[in-house]
Amino acid sequence: MKRLIASHYQFTETKRTKAELQAYKIENNTVLAFIQEQCLLEPDAVSYRKEVYGAFVEYCNANNRGKVSFPNFLKEVTNSQRGVVTLHDEPITRRAIFKGLKLR
């Protein structure tokens, strides 16, 4: 109890609990599971959003996982990979792309 009070009532997280929490999130979030299993996160990577979403739909169908809508997929990708994956439009064609993510 003294440690908890000394740390301003903040529980400390061990590496193990962080890893278990991440595994739980991936197991219960189809988008996170798809990113982990089917994508690469690289700073210079570029991919078309609709192609990635199409691969996500195929992944969900093949693995009997629930799909999310395209707008929710975009939100989940950008929120879960904040600072890594960003949304852009190609300069010339104006096609919608992800920067920082590509399919394996």
C-alpha atoms as a PDB file:
ATOM      1  CA  MET A   1       0.000   0.000   0.000  1.00  0.00           C
ATOM      2  CA  LYS A   2       2.862   2.365   0.770  1.00  0.00           C
ATOM      3  CA  ARG A   3       4.312   1.813  -2.710  1.00  0.00           C
ATOM      4  CA  LEU A   4       0.965   2.622  -4.279  1.00  0.00           C
ATOM      5  CA  ILE A   5       0.674   5.833  -2.283  1.00  0.00           C
ATOM      6  CA  ALA A   6       4.298   6.744  -3.079  1.00  0.00           C
ATOM      7  CA  SER A   7       3.616   6.306  -6.798  1.00  0.00           C
ATOM      8  CA  HIS A   8       0.579   8.646  -6.577  1.00  0.00           C
ATOM      9  CA  TYR A   9      -1.844   5.737  -6.789  1.00  0.00           C
ATOM     10  CA  GLN A  10      -0.480   4.572 -10.136  1.00  0.00           C
ATOM     11  CA  PHE A  11       0.035   0.849 -10.596  1.00  0.00           C
ATOM     12  CA  THR A  12       3.278  -0.082 -12.295  1.00  0.00           C
ATOM     13  CA  GLU A  13       3.115  -2.206 -15.426  1.00  0.00           C
ATOM     14  CA  THR A  14       5.613  -4.959 -15.986  1.00  0.00           C
ATOM     15  CA  LYS A  15       6.802  -6.027 -19.426  1.00  0.00           C
ATOM     16  CA  ARG A  16       4.787  -9.203 -18.995  1.00  0.00           C
ATOM     17  CA  THR A  17       1.515  -7.408 -18.261  1.00  0.00           C
ATOM     18  CA  LYS A  18       2.094  -5.034 -21.177  1.00  0.00           C
ATOM     19  CA  ALA A  19       2.707  -8.010 -23.485  1.00  0.00           C
ATOM     20  CA  GLU A  20      -0.397  -9.803 -22.200  1.00  0.00           C
ATOM     21  CA  LEU A  21      -2.511  -6.687 -22.667  1.00  0.00           C
ATOM     22  CA  GLN A  22      -1.244  -6.269 -26.242  1.00  0.00           C
ATOM     23  CA  ALA A  23      -1.966  -9.950 -26.996  1.00  0.00           C
ATOM     24  CA  TYR A  24      -5.487  -9.518 -25.605  1.00  0.00           C
ATOM     25  CA  LYS A  25      -6.077  -6.425 -27.762  1.00  0.00           C
ATOM     26  CA  ILE A  26      -4.881  -8.222 -30.900  1.00  0.00           C
ATOM     27  CA  GLU A  27      -6.997 -11.286 -30.164  1.00  0.00           C
ATOM     28  CA  ASN A  28     -10.109  -9.151 -29.756  1.00  0.00           C
ATOM     29  CA  ASN A  29      -9.526  -6.597 -32.499  1.00  0.00           C
ATOM     30  CA  THR A  30      -9.662  -7.819 -36.078  1.00  0.00           C
ATOM     31  CA  VAL A  31      -7.874  -4.745 -37.450  1.00  0.00           C
ATOM     32  CA  LEU A  32      -4.932  -5.121 -35.035  1.00  0.00           C
ATOM     33  CA  ALA A  33      -4.683  -8.829 -35.814  1.00  0.00           C
ATOM     34  CA  PHE A  34      -4.699  -8.078 -39.551  1.00  0.00           C
ATOM     35  CA  ILE A  35      -1.956  -5.454 -39.188  1.00  0.00           C
ATOM     36  CA  GLN A  36       0.213  -7.807 -37.154  1.00  0.00           C
ATOM     37  CA  GLU A  37      -0.241 -10.807 -39.451  1.00  0.00           C
ATOM     38  CA  GLN A  38      -0.582  -9.281 -42.917  1.00  0.00           C
ATOM     39  CA  CYS A  39       1.201  -5.909 -42.913  1.00  0.00           C
ATOM     40  CA  LEU A  40       4.615  -4.370 -42.513  1.00  0.00           C
ATOM     41  CA  LEU A  41       5.107  -1.051 -40.771  1.00  0.00           C
ATOM     42  CA  GLU A  42       7.940   0.797 -42.494  1.00  0.00           C
ATOM     43  CA  PRO A  43       8.501   4.571 -42.671  1.00  0.00           C
ATOM     44  CA  ASP A  44       8.889   4.623 -46.475  1.00  0.00           C
ATOM     45  CA  ALA A  45       6.056   2.176 -47.216  1.00  0.00           C
ATOM     46  CA  VAL A  46       3.123   3.344 -49.328  1.00  0.00           C
ATOM     47  CA  SER A  47      -0.052   1.422 -50.144  1.00  0.00           C
ATOM     48  CA  TYR A  48      -3.494   2.197 -51.536  1.00  0.00           C
ATOM     49  CA  ARG A  49      -6.123   2.300 -48.812  1.00  0.00           C
ATOM     50  CA  LYS A  50      -8.757   0.408 -50.812  1.00  0.00           C
ATOM     51  CA  GLU A  51      -6.300  -2.395 -51.647  1.00  0.00           C
ATOM     52  CA  VAL A  52      -5.371  -2.756 -47.982  1.00  0.00           C
ATOM     53  CA  TYR A  53      -9.047  -2.746 -46.991  1.00  0.00           C
ATOM     54  CA  GLY A  54      -9.773  -5.387 -49.655  1.00  0.00           C
ATOM     55  CA  ALA A  55      -7.025  -7.569 -48.195  1.00  0.00           C
ATOM     56  CA  PHE A  56      -8.537  -6.975 -44.738  1.00  0.00           C
ATOM     57  CA  VAL A  57     -11.964  -8.159 -45.935  1.00  0.00           C
ATOM     58  CA  GLU A  58     -10.381 -11.291 -47.471  1.00  0.00           C
ATOM     59  CA  TYR A  59      -8.476 -11.903 -44.208  1.00  0.00           C
ATOM     60  CA  CYS A  60     -11.715 -11.621 -42.199  1.00  0.00           C
ATOM     61  CA  ASN A  61     -13.577 -13.995 -44.529  1.00  0.00           C
ATOM     62  CA  ALA A  62     -10.756 -16.563 -44.517  1.00  0.00           C
ATOM     63  CA  ASN A  63     -10.458 -16.486 -40.719  1.00  0.00           C
ATOM     64  CA  ASN A  64     -14.145 -16.140 -39.789  1.00  0.00           C
ATOM     65  CA  ARG A  65     -13.454 -12.793 -38.128  1.00  0.00           C
ATOM     66  CA  GLY A  66     -15.804  -9.845 -37.985  1.00  0.00           C
ATOM     67  CA  LYS A  67     -15.260  -7.028 -40.458  1.00  0.00           C
ATOM     68  CA  VAL A  68     -15.500  -3.318 -39.773  1.00  0.00           C
ATOM     69  CA  SER A  69     -16.634  -0.665 -42.234  1.00  0.00           C
ATOM     70  CA  PHE A  70     -14.094   1.155 -44.403  1.00  0.00           C
ATOM     71  CA  PRO A  71     -14.294   4.413 -42.363  1.00  0.00           C
ATOM     72  CA  ASN A  72     -13.909   2.486 -39.092  1.00  0.00           C
ATOM     73  CA  PHE A  73     -11.007   0.521 -40.570  1.00  0.00           C
ATOM     74  CA  LEU A  74      -9.218   3.776 -41.421  1.00  0.00           C
ATOM     75  CA  LYS A  75      -9.823   5.142 -37.927  1.00  0.00           C
ATOM     76  CA  GLU A  76      -8.622   1.955 -36.268  1.00  0.00           C
ATOM     77  CA  VAL A  77      -5.447   1.774 -38.373  1.00  0.00           C
ATOM     78  CA  THR A  78      -4.489   5.389 -37.785  1.00  0.00           C
ATOM     79  CA  ASN A  79      -5.414   5.378 -34.073  1.00  0.00           C
ATOM     80  CA  SER A  80      -3.652   2.106 -33.302  1.00  0.00           C
ATOM     81  CA  GLN A  81      -0.541   3.068 -35.279  1.00  0.00           C
ATOM     82  CA  ARG A  82      -0.445   6.753 -34.325  1.00  0.00           C
ATOM     83  CA  GLY A  83       2.716   8.413 -35.548  1.00  0.00           C
ATOM     84  CA  VAL A  84       3.591   5.395 -37.716  1.00  0.00           C
ATOM     85  CA  VAL A  85       0.788   5.185 -40.297  1.00  0.00           C
ATOM     86  CA  THR A  86      -0.747   8.309 -41.814  1.00  0.00           C
ATOM     87  CA  LEU A  87      -3.404   8.976 -44.448  1.00  0.00           C
ATOM     88  CA  HIS A  88      -2.538  10.925 -47.593  1.00  0.00           C
ATOM     89  CA  ASP A  89      -3.546  11.413 -51.209  1.00  0.00           C
ATOM     90  CA  GLU A  90      -1.100  10.761 -54.025  1.00  0.00           C
ATOM     91  CA  PRO A  91       0.104  14.086 -55.450  1.00  0.00           C
ATOM     92  CA  ILE A  92      -0.665  13.316 -59.103  1.00  0.00           C
ATOM     93  CA  THR A  93      -3.505  10.781 -59.156  1.00  0.00           C
ATOM     94  CA  ARG A  94      -5.102  11.905 -55.850  1.00  0.00           C
ATOM     95  CA  ARG A  95      -5.619   8.231 -54.927  1.00  0.00           C
ATOM     96  CA  ALA A  96      -5.973   7.677 -51.190  1.00  0.00           C
ATOM     97  CA  ILE A  97      -2.902   6.029 -49.654  1.00  0.00           C
ATOM     98  CA  PHE A  98      -1.430   4.884 -46.363  1.00  0.00           C
ATOM     99  CA  LYS A  99       2.101   6.030 -45.620  1.00  0.00           C
ATOM    100  CA  GLY A 100       4.049   3.795 -43.262  1.00  0.00           C
ATOM    101  CA  LEU A 101       2.134   0.570 -43.998  1.00  0.00           C
ATOM    102  CA  LYS A 102       2.260  -2.051 -46.737  1.00  0.00           C
ATOM    103  CA  LEU A 103       0.938  -5.540 -47.255  1.00  0.00           C
ATOM    104  CA  ARG A 104       3.360  -8.429 -46.805  1.00  0.00           C
END
